[in-house]
Amino acid sequence: MREKLIVALEPTRLDIINESEQHAGHRSSPGTGESHFRILIVSPSFEGKSRIERHRAVNEILSDELKGRIHALALKTYAPGETTQ
């Protein structure tokens, strides 16, 4: 995931947090240990784009992962200079 996002979006900040252990045992969780992620990404490519457009871009980049091993993906997407809090 990290490499795909770096190549496609050239972020100035990229935090990927695996939260799968917090969801172990949930009915729809695959139990792989890599199913739930939280991503914070700051990229110049997000300038002038809505939150929905930004999320769609990330989802498209990670489409293969979302079809398979990733069950849940929480996104925070910012352009440089926007608050990341």
PDB file of N, CA and C in Angstrom:
ATOM      1  N   MET A   1       0.826  -1.193   0.000  1.00  0.00           N
ATOM      2  CA  MET A   1       0.000   0.000   0.000  1.00  0.00           C
ATOM      3  C   MET A   1       0.870   1.256   0.000  1.00  0.00           C
ATOM      4  N   ARG A   2       1.856   1.239   0.873  1.00  0.00           N
ATOM      5  CA  ARG A   2       2.708   2.431   1.014  1.00  0.00           C
ATOM      6  C   ARG A   2       3.347   2.797  -0.322  1.00  0.00           C
ATOM      7  N   GLU A   3       3.939   1.820  -0.991  1.00  0.00           N
ATOM      8  CA  GLU A   3       4.624   2.104  -2.256  1.00  0.00           C
ATOM      9  C   GLU A   3       3.655   2.632  -3.309  1.00  0.00           C
ATOM     10  N   LYS A   4       2.490   2.023  -3.419  1.00  0.00           N
ATOM     11  CA  LYS A   4       1.497   2.471  -4.398  1.00  0.00           C
ATOM     12  C   LYS A   4       1.097   3.927  -4.156  1.00  0.00           C
ATOM     13  N   LEU A   5       0.849   4.273  -2.903  1.00  0.00           N
ATOM     14  CA  LEU A   5       0.436   5.639  -2.573  1.00  0.00           C
ATOM     15  C   LEU A   5       1.566   6.637  -2.807  1.00  0.00           C
ATOM     16  N   ILE A   6       2.793   6.255  -2.486  1.00  0.00           N
ATOM     17  CA  ILE A   6       3.932   7.150  -2.699  1.00  0.00           C
ATOM     18  C   ILE A   6       4.141   7.409  -4.184  1.00  0.00           C
ATOM     19  N   VAL A   7       4.094   6.370  -4.978  1.00  0.00           N
ATOM     20  CA  VAL A   7       4.304   6.524  -6.423  1.00  0.00           C
ATOM     21  C   VAL A   7       3.188   7.361  -7.050  1.00  0.00           C
ATOM     22  N   ALA A   8       1.954   7.081  -6.685  1.00  0.00           N
ATOM     23  CA  ALA A   8       0.818   7.745  -7.324  1.00  0.00           C
ATOM     24  C   ALA A   8       0.582   9.176  -6.848  1.00  0.00           C
ATOM     25  N   LEU A   9       0.807   9.442  -5.551  1.00  0.00           N
ATOM     26  CA  LEU A   9       0.405  10.730  -4.984  1.00  0.00           C
ATOM     27  C   LEU A   9       1.564  11.600  -4.504  1.00  0.00           C
ATOM     28  N   GLU A  10       2.763  11.059  -4.455  1.00  0.00           N
ATOM     29  CA  GLU A  10       3.935  11.794  -3.994  1.00  0.00           C
ATOM     30  C   GLU A  10       3.641  12.602  -2.721  1.00  0.00           C
ATOM     31  N   PRO A  11       3.222  11.920  -1.671  1.00  0.00           N
ATOM     32  CA  PRO A  11       2.829  12.625  -0.442  1.00  0.00           C
ATOM     33  C   PRO A  11       4.007  13.250   0.291  1.00  0.00           C
ATOM     34  N   THR A  12       3.694  14.325   1.004  1.00  0.00           N
ATOM     35  CA  THR A  12       4.681  14.923   1.903  1.00  0.00           C
ATOM     36  C   THR A  12       4.583  14.290   3.286  1.00  0.00           C
ATOM     37  N   ARG A  13       3.477  13.613   3.541  1.00  0.00           N
ATOM     38  CA  ARG A  13       3.291  12.850   4.779  1.00  0.00           C
ATOM     39  C   ARG A  13       2.395  11.663   4.464  1.00  0.00           C
ATOM     40  N   LEU A  14       2.757  10.523   5.001  1.00  0.00           N
ATOM     41  CA  LEU A  14       1.958   9.317   4.818  1.00  0.00           C
ATOM     42  C   LEU A  14       2.071   8.464   6.069  1.00  0.00           C
ATOM     43  N   ASP A  15       0.970   8.352   6.797  1.00  0.00           N
ATOM     44  CA  ASP A  15       0.904   7.501   7.988  1.00  0.00           C
ATOM     45  C   ASP A  15      -0.078   6.374   7.689  1.00  0.00           C
ATOM     46  N   ILE A  16       0.387   5.147   7.808  1.00  0.00           N
ATOM     47  CA  ILE A  16      -0.482   3.986   7.634  1.00  0.00           C
ATOM     48  C   ILE A  16      -0.459   3.210   8.941  1.00  0.00           C
ATOM     49  N   ILE A  17      -1.620   3.082   9.554  1.00  0.00           N
ATOM     50  CA  ILE A  17      -1.728   2.415  10.853  1.00  0.00           C
ATOM     51  C   ILE A  17      -2.593   1.173  10.689  1.00  0.00           C
ATOM     52  N   ASN A  18      -2.026   0.046  11.055  1.00  0.00           N
ATOM     53  CA  ASN A  18      -2.746  -1.221  11.010  1.00  0.00           C
ATOM     54  C   ASN A  18      -3.549  -1.350  12.302  1.00  0.00           C
ATOM     55  N   GLU A  19      -4.869  -1.329  12.190  1.00  0.00           N
ATOM     56  CA  GLU A  19      -5.761  -1.440  13.351  1.00  0.00           C
ATOM     57  C   GLU A  19      -6.460  -2.796  13.403  1.00  0.00           C
ATOM     58  N   SER A  20      -5.937  -3.753  12.673  1.00  0.00           N
ATOM     59  CA  SER A  20      -6.602  -5.051  12.553  1.00  0.00           C
ATOM     60  C   SER A  20      -6.806  -5.742  13.897  1.00  0.00           C
ATOM     61  N   GLU A  21      -5.824  -5.613  14.796  1.00  0.00           N
ATOM     62  CA  GLU A  21      -5.941  -6.295  16.088  1.00  0.00           C
ATOM     63  C   GLU A  21      -7.142  -5.809  16.887  1.00  0.00           C
ATOM     64  N   GLN A  22      -7.573  -4.590  16.634  1.00  0.00           N
ATOM     65  CA  GLN A  22      -8.740  -4.046  17.337  1.00  0.00           C
ATOM     66  C   GLN A  22     -10.040  -4.667  16.839  1.00  0.00           C
ATOM     67  N   HIS A  23      -9.972  -5.347  15.699  1.00  0.00           N
ATOM     68  CA  HIS A  23     -11.168  -5.906  15.076  1.00  0.00           C
ATOM     69  C   HIS A  23     -11.131  -7.428  15.012  1.00  0.00           C
ATOM     70  N   ALA A  24     -10.176  -8.022  15.666  1.00  0.00           N
ATOM     71  CA  ALA A  24     -10.073  -9.482  15.685  1.00  0.00           C
ATOM     72  C   ALA A  24     -11.356 -10.079  16.245  1.00  0.00           C
ATOM     73  N   GLY A  25     -11.852 -11.078  15.586  1.00  0.00           N
ATOM     74  CA  GLY A  25     -13.065 -11.745  16.042  1.00  0.00           C
ATOM     75  C   GLY A  25     -14.352 -11.154  15.512  1.00  0.00           C
ATOM     76  N   HIS A  26     -14.296  -9.996  14.856  1.00  0.00           N
ATOM     77  CA  HIS A  26     -15.518  -9.458  14.248  1.00  0.00           C
ATOM     78  C   HIS A  26     -15.995 -10.415  13.163  1.00  0.00           C
ATOM     79  N   ARG A  27     -17.266 -10.532  13.012  1.00  0.00           N
ATOM     80  CA  ARG A  27     -17.859 -11.516  12.107  1.00  0.00           C
ATOM     81  C   ARG A  27     -17.303 -11.408  10.685  1.00  0.00           C
ATOM     82  N   SER A  28     -17.147 -10.207  10.153  1.00  0.00           N
ATOM     83  CA  SER A  28     -16.723 -10.068   8.765  1.00  0.00           C
ATOM     84  C   SER A  28     -15.218  -9.858   8.617  1.00  0.00           C
ATOM     85  N   SER A  29     -14.492  -9.870   9.709  1.00  0.00           N
ATOM     86  CA  SER A  29     -13.039  -9.707   9.653  1.00  0.00           C
ATOM     87  C   SER A  29     -12.409 -11.020   9.202  1.00  0.00           C
ATOM     88  N   PRO A  30     -11.495 -10.961   8.215  1.00  0.00           N
ATOM     89  CA  PRO A  30     -10.905 -12.196   7.707  1.00  0.00           C
ATOM     90  C   PRO A  30      -9.897 -12.854   8.653  1.00  0.00           C
ATOM     91  N   GLY A  31      -9.496 -12.165   9.720  1.00  0.00           N
ATOM     92  CA  GLY A  31      -8.571 -12.739  10.684  1.00  0.00           C
ATOM     93  C   GLY A  31      -7.137 -12.848  10.182  1.00  0.00           C
ATOM     94  N   THR A  32      -6.768 -12.056   9.188  1.00  0.00           N
ATOM     95  CA  THR A  32      -5.430 -12.123   8.604  1.00  0.00           C
ATOM     96  C   THR A  32      -4.426 -11.240   9.316  1.00  0.00           C
ATOM     97  N   GLY A  33      -4.893 -10.314  10.152  1.00  0.00           N
ATOM     98  CA  GLY A  33      -3.997  -9.371  10.808  1.00  0.00           C
ATOM     99  C   GLY A  33      -3.668  -8.171   9.939  1.00  0.00           C
ATOM    100  N   GLU A  34      -4.217  -8.133   8.736  1.00  0.00           N
ATOM    101  CA  GLU A  34      -4.002  -6.997   7.828  1.00  0.00           C
ATOM    102  C   GLU A  34      -5.294  -6.681   7.096  1.00  0.00           C
ATOM    103  N   SER A  35      -6.316  -6.354   7.859  1.00  0.00           N
ATOM    104  CA  SER A  35      -7.626  -6.127   7.256  1.00  0.00           C
ATOM    105  C   SER A  35      -8.206  -4.745   7.525  1.00  0.00           C
ATOM    106  N   HIS A  36      -7.752  -4.074   8.563  1.00  0.00           N
ATOM    107  CA  HIS A  36      -8.289  -2.774   8.953  1.00  0.00           C
ATOM    108  C   HIS A  36      -7.145  -1.765   9.061  1.00  0.00           C
ATOM    109  N   PHE A  37      -7.250  -0.677   8.284  1.00  0.00           N
ATOM    110  CA  PHE A  37      -6.180   0.312   8.268  1.00  0.00           C
ATOM    111  C   PHE A  37      -6.737   1.722   8.383  1.00  0.00           C
ATOM    112  N   ARG A  38      -5.936   2.592   8.978  1.00  0.00           N
ATOM    113  CA  ARG A  38      -6.209   4.029   9.045  1.00  0.00           C
ATOM    114  C   ARG A  38      -5.053   4.712   8.333  1.00  0.00           C
ATOM    115  N   ILE A  39      -5.378   5.591   7.382  1.00  0.00           N
ATOM    116  CA  ILE A  39      -4.356   6.276   6.589  1.00  0.00           C
ATOM    117  C   ILE A  39      -4.548   7.782   6.695  1.00  0.00           C
ATOM    118  N   LEU A  40      -3.447   8.475   6.979  1.00  0.00           N
ATOM    119  CA  LEU A  40      -3.411   9.928   6.898  1.00  0.00           C
ATOM    120  C   LEU A  40      -2.411  10.247   5.790  1.00  0.00           C
ATOM    121  N   ILE A  41      -2.856  11.016   4.803  1.00  0.00           N
ATOM    122  CA  ILE A  41      -1.990  11.337   3.676  1.00  0.00           C
ATOM    123  C   ILE A  41      -2.118  12.814   3.322  1.00  0.00           C
ATOM    124  N   VAL A  42      -0.976  13.466   3.152  1.00  0.00           N
ATOM    125  CA  VAL A  42      -0.907  14.861   2.727  1.00  0.00           C
ATOM    126  C   VAL A  42      -0.208  14.851   1.374  1.00  0.00           C
ATOM    127  N   SER A  43      -0.910  15.363   0.361  1.00  0.00           N
ATOM    128  CA  SER A  43      -0.360  15.320  -0.994  1.00  0.00           C
ATOM    129  C   SER A  43      -0.739  16.574  -1.776  1.00  0.00           C
ATOM    130  N   PRO A  44       0.212  17.110  -2.545  1.00  0.00           N
ATOM    131  CA  PRO A  44      -0.104  18.249  -3.407  1.00  0.00           C
ATOM    132  C   PRO A  44      -1.171  17.904  -4.451  1.00  0.00           C
ATOM    133  N   SER A  45      -1.297  16.644  -4.783  1.00  0.00           N
ATOM    134  CA  SER A  45      -2.301  16.256  -5.785  1.00  0.00           C
ATOM    135  C   SER A  45      -3.733  16.432  -5.272  1.00  0.00           C
ATOM    136  N   PHE A  46      -3.905  16.666  -3.976  1.00  0.00           N
ATOM    137  CA  PHE A  46      -5.235  16.891  -3.412  1.00  0.00           C
ATOM    138  C   PHE A  46      -5.668  18.355  -3.478  1.00  0.00           C
ATOM    139  N   GLU A  47      -4.773  19.245  -3.888  1.00  0.00           N
ATOM    140  CA  GLU A  47      -5.103  20.672  -3.996  1.00  0.00           C
ATOM    141  C   GLU A  47      -6.335  20.862  -4.870  1.00  0.00           C
ATOM    142  N   GLY A  48      -7.308  21.600  -4.367  1.00  0.00           N
ATOM    143  CA  GLY A  48      -8.501  21.931  -5.141  1.00  0.00           C
ATOM    144  C   GLY A  48      -9.500  20.802  -5.299  1.00  0.00           C
ATOM    145  N   LYS A  49      -9.264  19.667  -4.644  1.00  0.00           N
ATOM    146  CA  LYS A  49     -10.185  18.539  -4.751  1.00  0.00           C
ATOM    147  C   LYS A  49     -11.007  18.403  -3.480  1.00  0.00           C
ATOM    148  N   SER A  50     -12.230  17.945  -3.657  1.00  0.00           N
ATOM    149  CA  SER A  50     -13.110  17.720  -2.509  1.00  0.00           C
ATOM    150  C   SER A  50     -12.657  16.478  -1.750  1.00  0.00           C
ATOM    151  N   ARG A  51     -13.176  16.333  -0.554  1.00  0.00           N
ATOM    152  CA  ARG A  51     -12.860  15.157   0.260  1.00  0.00           C
ATOM    153  C   ARG A  51     -13.260  13.878  -0.475  1.00  0.00           C
ATOM    154  N   ILE A  52     -14.394  13.901  -1.127  1.00  0.00           N
ATOM    155  CA  ILE A  52     -14.864  12.724  -1.868  1.00  0.00           C
ATOM    156  C   ILE A  52     -13.916  12.395  -3.015  1.00  0.00           C
ATOM    157  N   GLU A  53     -13.474  13.403  -3.750  1.00  0.00           N
ATOM    158  CA  GLU A  53     -12.536  13.177  -4.851  1.00  0.00           C
ATOM    159  C   GLU A  53     -11.216  12.604  -4.326  1.00  0.00           C
ATOM    160  N   ARG A  54     -10.768  13.083  -3.209  1.00  0.00           N
ATOM    161  CA  ARG A  54      -9.526  12.589  -2.609  1.00  0.00           C
ATOM    162  C   ARG A  54      -9.660  11.134  -2.193  1.00  0.00           C
ATOM    163  N   HIS A  55     -10.767  10.815  -1.545  1.00  0.00           N
ATOM    164  CA  HIS A  55     -10.996   9.442  -1.094  1.00  0.00           C
ATOM    165  C   HIS A  55     -11.141   8.501  -2.280  1.00  0.00           C
ATOM    166  N   ARG A  56     -11.830   8.950  -3.304  1.00  0.00           N
ATOM    167  CA  ARG A  56     -11.962   8.118  -4.511  1.00  0.00           C
ATOM    168  C   ARG A  56     -10.604   7.838  -5.133  1.00  0.00           C
ATOM    169  N   ALA A  57      -9.735   8.832  -5.148  1.00  0.00           N
ATOM    170  CA  ALA A  57      -8.393   8.644  -5.715  1.00  0.00           C
ATOM    171  C   ALA A  57      -7.632   7.576  -4.934  1.00  0.00           C
ATOM    172  N   VAL A  58      -7.662   7.651  -3.613  1.00  0.00           N
ATOM    173  CA  VAL A  58      -6.966   6.658  -2.784  1.00  0.00           C
ATOM    174  C   VAL A  58      -7.593   5.284  -2.988  1.00  0.00           C
ATOM    175  N   ASN A  59      -8.915   5.212  -2.994  1.00  0.00           N
ATOM    176  CA  ASN A  59      -9.595   3.929  -3.188  1.00  0.00           C
ATOM    177  C   ASN A  59      -9.251   3.319  -4.539  1.00  0.00           C
ATOM    178  N   GLU A  60      -9.126   4.130  -5.560  1.00  0.00           N
ATOM    179  CA  GLU A  60      -8.763   3.625  -6.886  1.00  0.00           C
ATOM    180  C   GLU A  60      -7.329   3.083  -6.884  1.00  0.00           C
ATOM    181  N   ILE A  61      -6.430   3.800  -6.250  1.00  0.00           N
ATOM    182  CA  ILE A  61      -5.036   3.355  -6.168  1.00  0.00           C
ATOM    183  C   ILE A  61      -4.935   2.019  -5.437  1.00  0.00           C
ATOM    184  N   LEU A  62      -5.751   1.843  -4.422  1.00  0.00           N
ATOM    185  CA  LEU A  62      -5.717   0.627  -3.604  1.00  0.00           C
ATOM    186  C   LEU A  62      -6.829  -0.349  -3.965  1.00  0.00           C
ATOM    187  N   SER A  63      -7.360  -0.262  -5.166  1.00  0.00           N
ATOM    188  CA  SER A  63      -8.517  -1.072  -5.553  1.00  0.00           C
ATOM    189  C   SER A  63      -8.263  -2.575  -5.421  1.00  0.00           C
ATOM    190  N   ASP A  64      -7.076  -3.040  -5.794  1.00  0.00           N
ATOM    191  CA  ASP A  64      -6.792  -4.470  -5.670  1.00  0.00           C
ATOM    192  C   ASP A  64      -6.820  -4.922  -4.215  1.00  0.00           C
ATOM    193  N   GLU A  65      -6.236  -4.117  -3.343  1.00  0.00           N
ATOM    194  CA  GLU A  65      -6.222  -4.452  -1.924  1.00  0.00           C
ATOM    195  C   GLU A  65      -7.632  -4.434  -1.338  1.00  0.00           C
ATOM    196  N   LEU A  66      -8.445  -3.482  -1.785  1.00  0.00           N
ATOM    197  CA  LEU A  66      -9.812  -3.372  -1.271  1.00  0.00           C
ATOM    198  C   LEU A  66     -10.699  -4.514  -1.766  1.00  0.00           C
ATOM    199  N   LYS A  67     -10.344  -5.126  -2.863  1.00  0.00           N
ATOM    200  CA  LYS A  67     -11.096  -6.285  -3.362  1.00  0.00           C
ATOM    201  C   LYS A  67     -10.721  -7.551  -2.607  1.00  0.00           C
ATOM    202  N   GLY A  68      -9.577  -7.513  -1.946  1.00  0.00           N
ATOM    203  CA  GLY A  68      -9.088  -8.722  -1.293  1.00  0.00           C
ATOM    204  C   GLY A  68      -8.934  -8.589   0.191  1.00  0.00           C
ATOM    205  N   ARG A  69      -7.706  -8.340   0.623  1.00  0.00           N
ATOM    206  CA  ARG A  69      -7.367  -8.468   2.038  1.00  0.00           C
ATOM    207  C   ARG A  69      -7.859  -7.336   2.921  1.00  0.00           C
ATOM    208  N   ILE A  70      -8.096  -6.154   2.379  1.00  0.00           N
ATOM    209  CA  ILE A  70      -8.515  -5.030   3.223  1.00  0.00           C
ATOM    210  C   ILE A  70     -10.035  -5.020   3.361  1.00  0.00           C
ATOM    211  N   HIS A  71     -10.470  -5.070   4.585  1.00  0.00           N
ATOM    212  CA  HIS A  71     -11.901  -5.068   4.900  1.00  0.00           C
ATOM    213  C   HIS A  71     -12.395  -3.655   5.203  1.00  0.00           C
ATOM    214  N   ALA A  72     -11.532  -2.832   5.834  1.00  0.00           N
ATOM    215  CA  ALA A  72     -11.943  -1.480   6.230  1.00  0.00           C
ATOM    216  C   ALA A  72     -10.755  -0.536   6.089  1.00  0.00           C
ATOM    217  N   LEU A  73     -11.047   0.663   5.571  1.00  0.00           N
ATOM    218  CA  LEU A  73     -10.014   1.667   5.349  1.00  0.00           C
ATOM    219  C   LEU A  73     -10.567   3.029   5.767  1.00  0.00           C
ATOM    220  N   ALA A  74      -9.957   3.614   6.793  1.00  0.00           N
ATOM    221  CA  ALA A  74     -10.345   4.949   7.263  1.00  0.00           C
ATOM    222  C   ALA A  74      -9.333   5.944   6.702  1.00  0.00           C
ATOM    223  N   LEU A  75      -9.819   7.000   6.067  1.00  0.00           N
ATOM    224  CA  LEU A  75      -8.930   7.941   5.388  1.00  0.00           C
ATOM    225  C   LEU A  75      -9.053   9.355   5.932  1.00  0.00           C
ATOM    226  N   LYS A  76      -7.901  10.008   6.059  1.00  0.00           N
ATOM    227  CA  LYS A  76      -7.816  11.444   6.275  1.00  0.00           C
ATOM    228  C   LYS A  76      -6.887  11.943   5.187  1.00  0.00           C
ATOM    229  N   THR A  77      -7.409  12.787   4.321  1.00  0.00           N
ATOM    230  CA  THR A  77      -6.667  13.242   3.149  1.00  0.00           C
ATOM    231  C   THR A  77      -6.596  14.759   3.144  1.00  0.00           C
ATOM    232  N   TYR A  78      -5.374  15.286   2.993  1.00  0.00           N
ATOM    233  CA  TYR A  78      -5.181  16.727   3.058  1.00  0.00           C
ATOM    234  C   TYR A  78      -4.231  17.187   1.952  1.00  0.00           C
ATOM    235  N   ALA A  79      -4.391  18.429   1.559  1.00  0.00           N
ATOM    236  CA  ALA A  79      -3.415  19.106   0.718  1.00  0.00           C
ATOM    237  C   ALA A  79      -2.420  19.792   1.659  1.00  0.00           C
ATOM    238  N   PRO A  80      -1.198  20.054   1.189  1.00  0.00           N
ATOM    239  CA  PRO A  80      -0.238  20.753   2.056  1.00  0.00           C
ATOM    240  C   PRO A  80      -0.809  22.074   2.564  1.00  0.00           C
ATOM    241  N   GLY A  81      -0.559  22.356   3.821  1.00  0.00           N
ATOM    242  CA  GLY A  81      -1.052  23.585   4.443  1.00  0.00           C
ATOM    243  C   GLY A  81      -2.393  23.420   5.146  1.00  0.00           C
ATOM    244  N   GLU A  82      -3.109  22.348   4.859  1.00  0.00           N
ATOM    245  CA  GLU A  82      -4.362  22.092   5.563  1.00  0.00           C
ATOM    246  C   GLU A  82      -4.045  21.410   6.888  1.00  0.00           C
ATOM    247  N   THR A  83      -4.888  21.599   7.858  1.00  0.00           N
ATOM    248  CA  THR A  83      -4.662  21.019   9.177  1.00  0.00           C
ATOM    249  C   THR A  83      -4.803  19.503   9.124  1.00  0.00           C
ATOM    250  N   THR A  84      -3.985  18.813   9.882  1.00  0.00           N
ATOM    251  CA  THR A  84      -4.043  17.363   9.939  1.00  0.00           C
ATOM    252  C   THR A  84      -4.531  16.868  11.296  1.00  0.00           C
ATOM    253  N   GLN A  85      -5.201  17.714  12.032  1.00  0.00           N
ATOM    254  CA  GLN A  85      -5.695  17.337  13.357  1.00  0.00           C
ATOM    255  C   GLN A  85      -7.053  16.700  13.284  1.00  0.00           C
TER     256      GLN A  85
END
